[in-house]
Amino acid sequence: MSIHPSLRTKGAVSEKRNVLKRHERVDKLKKEGRFHDGDKPWGLPKTKPED
């Protein structure tokens, strides 16, 4: 059985992601001074990815 053309990948992701993973959000918030060691990583404020 073959894979549907819409599900095929072309190697790496070609489009820019608009969602950050939790560890990426924590890193960004630490750079901005909005997250400190000891804070809980749940319920983080929304962040936009770097351009």
C-alpha atoms as a PDB file:
ATOM      1  CA  MET A   1       0.000   0.000   0.000  1.00  0.00           C
ATOM      2  CA  SER A   2       1.360   3.440  -0.838  1.00  0.00           C
ATOM      3  CA  ILE A   3       1.250   6.639   1.191  1.00  0.00           C
ATOM      4  CA  HIS A   4      -1.202   9.370   0.248  1.00  0.00           C
ATOM      5  CA  PRO A   5       0.530  12.328  -1.483  1.00  0.00           C
ATOM      6  CA  SER A   6      -0.745  14.809   1.117  1.00  0.00           C
ATOM      7  CA  LEU A   7       1.044  12.876   3.878  1.00  0.00           C
ATOM      8  CA  ARG A   8       4.452  12.749   2.228  1.00  0.00           C
ATOM      9  CA  THR A   9       7.264  14.825   3.648  1.00  0.00           C
ATOM     10  CA  LYS A  10       9.985  16.463   1.642  1.00  0.00           C
ATOM     11  CA  GLY A  11      12.750  15.865   4.152  1.00  0.00           C
ATOM     12  CA  ALA A  12      12.775  18.771   6.570  1.00  0.00           C
ATOM     13  CA  VAL A  13       9.875  21.021   7.419  1.00  0.00           C
ATOM     14  CA  SER A  14       9.810  23.688   4.750  1.00  0.00           C
ATOM     15  CA  GLU A  15       7.347  26.038   6.421  1.00  0.00           C
ATOM     16  CA  LYS A  16       8.028  28.182   9.457  1.00  0.00           C
ATOM     17  CA  ARG A  17       6.525  26.785  12.658  1.00  0.00           C
ATOM     18  CA  ASN A  18       4.103  29.026  14.519  1.00  0.00           C
ATOM     19  CA  VAL A  19       4.074  26.949  17.713  1.00  0.00           C
ATOM     20  CA  LEU A  20       6.981  26.607  20.121  1.00  0.00           C
ATOM     21  CA  LYS A  21       7.680  23.542  22.233  1.00  0.00           C
ATOM     22  CA  ARG A  22       7.638  24.021  26.013  1.00  0.00           C
ATOM     23  CA  HIS A  23      11.436  24.057  26.383  1.00  0.00           C
ATOM     24  CA  GLU A  24      11.706  26.628  23.579  1.00  0.00           C
ATOM     25  CA  ARG A  25       9.134  28.841  25.315  1.00  0.00           C
ATOM     26  CA  VAL A  26      10.989  28.552  28.632  1.00  0.00           C
ATOM     27  CA  ASP A  27      14.285  29.492  26.943  1.00  0.00           C
ATOM     28  CA  LYS A  28      12.701  32.521  25.291  1.00  0.00           C
ATOM     29  CA  LEU A  29      11.019  33.650  28.519  1.00  0.00           C
ATOM     30  CA  LYS A  30      14.319  33.284  30.405  1.00  0.00           C
ATOM     31  CA  LYS A  31      16.020  35.563  27.850  1.00  0.00           C
ATOM     32  CA  GLU A  32      13.247  38.127  28.383  1.00  0.00           C
ATOM     33  CA  GLY A  33      13.490  37.788  32.176  1.00  0.00           C
ATOM     34  CA  ARG A  34       9.904  36.567  32.502  1.00  0.00           C
ATOM     35  CA  PHE A  35      10.788  33.046  33.743  1.00  0.00           C
ATOM     36  CA  HIS A  36      13.086  32.232  36.649  1.00  0.00           C
ATOM     37  CA  ASP A  37      14.592  28.976  37.903  1.00  0.00           C
ATOM     38  CA  GLY A  38      12.132  27.297  40.237  1.00  0.00           C
ATOM     39  CA  ASP A  39       9.050  28.539  38.360  1.00  0.00           C
ATOM     40  CA  LYS A  40       6.670  25.874  37.107  1.00  0.00           C
ATOM     41  CA  PRO A  41       6.696  25.287  33.333  1.00  0.00           C
ATOM     42  CA  TRP A  42       2.902  24.894  33.178  1.00  0.00           C
ATOM     43  CA  GLY A  43       0.566  27.710  32.230  1.00  0.00           C
ATOM     44  CA  LEU A  44       3.256  29.707  30.438  1.00  0.00           C
ATOM     45  CA  PRO A  45       2.271  32.948  28.725  1.00  0.00           C
ATOM     46  CA  LYS A  46       1.967  32.928  24.962  1.00  0.00           C
ATOM     47  CA  THR A  47       5.118  33.693  22.990  1.00  0.00           C
ATOM     48  CA  LYS A  48       5.742  34.288  19.318  1.00  0.00           C
ATOM     49  CA  PRO A  49       8.587  32.482  17.552  1.00  0.00           C
ATOM     50  CA  GLU A  50      11.638  34.496  16.603  1.00  0.00           C
ATOM     51  CA  ASP A  51      11.652  35.647  13.010  1.00  0.00           C
END
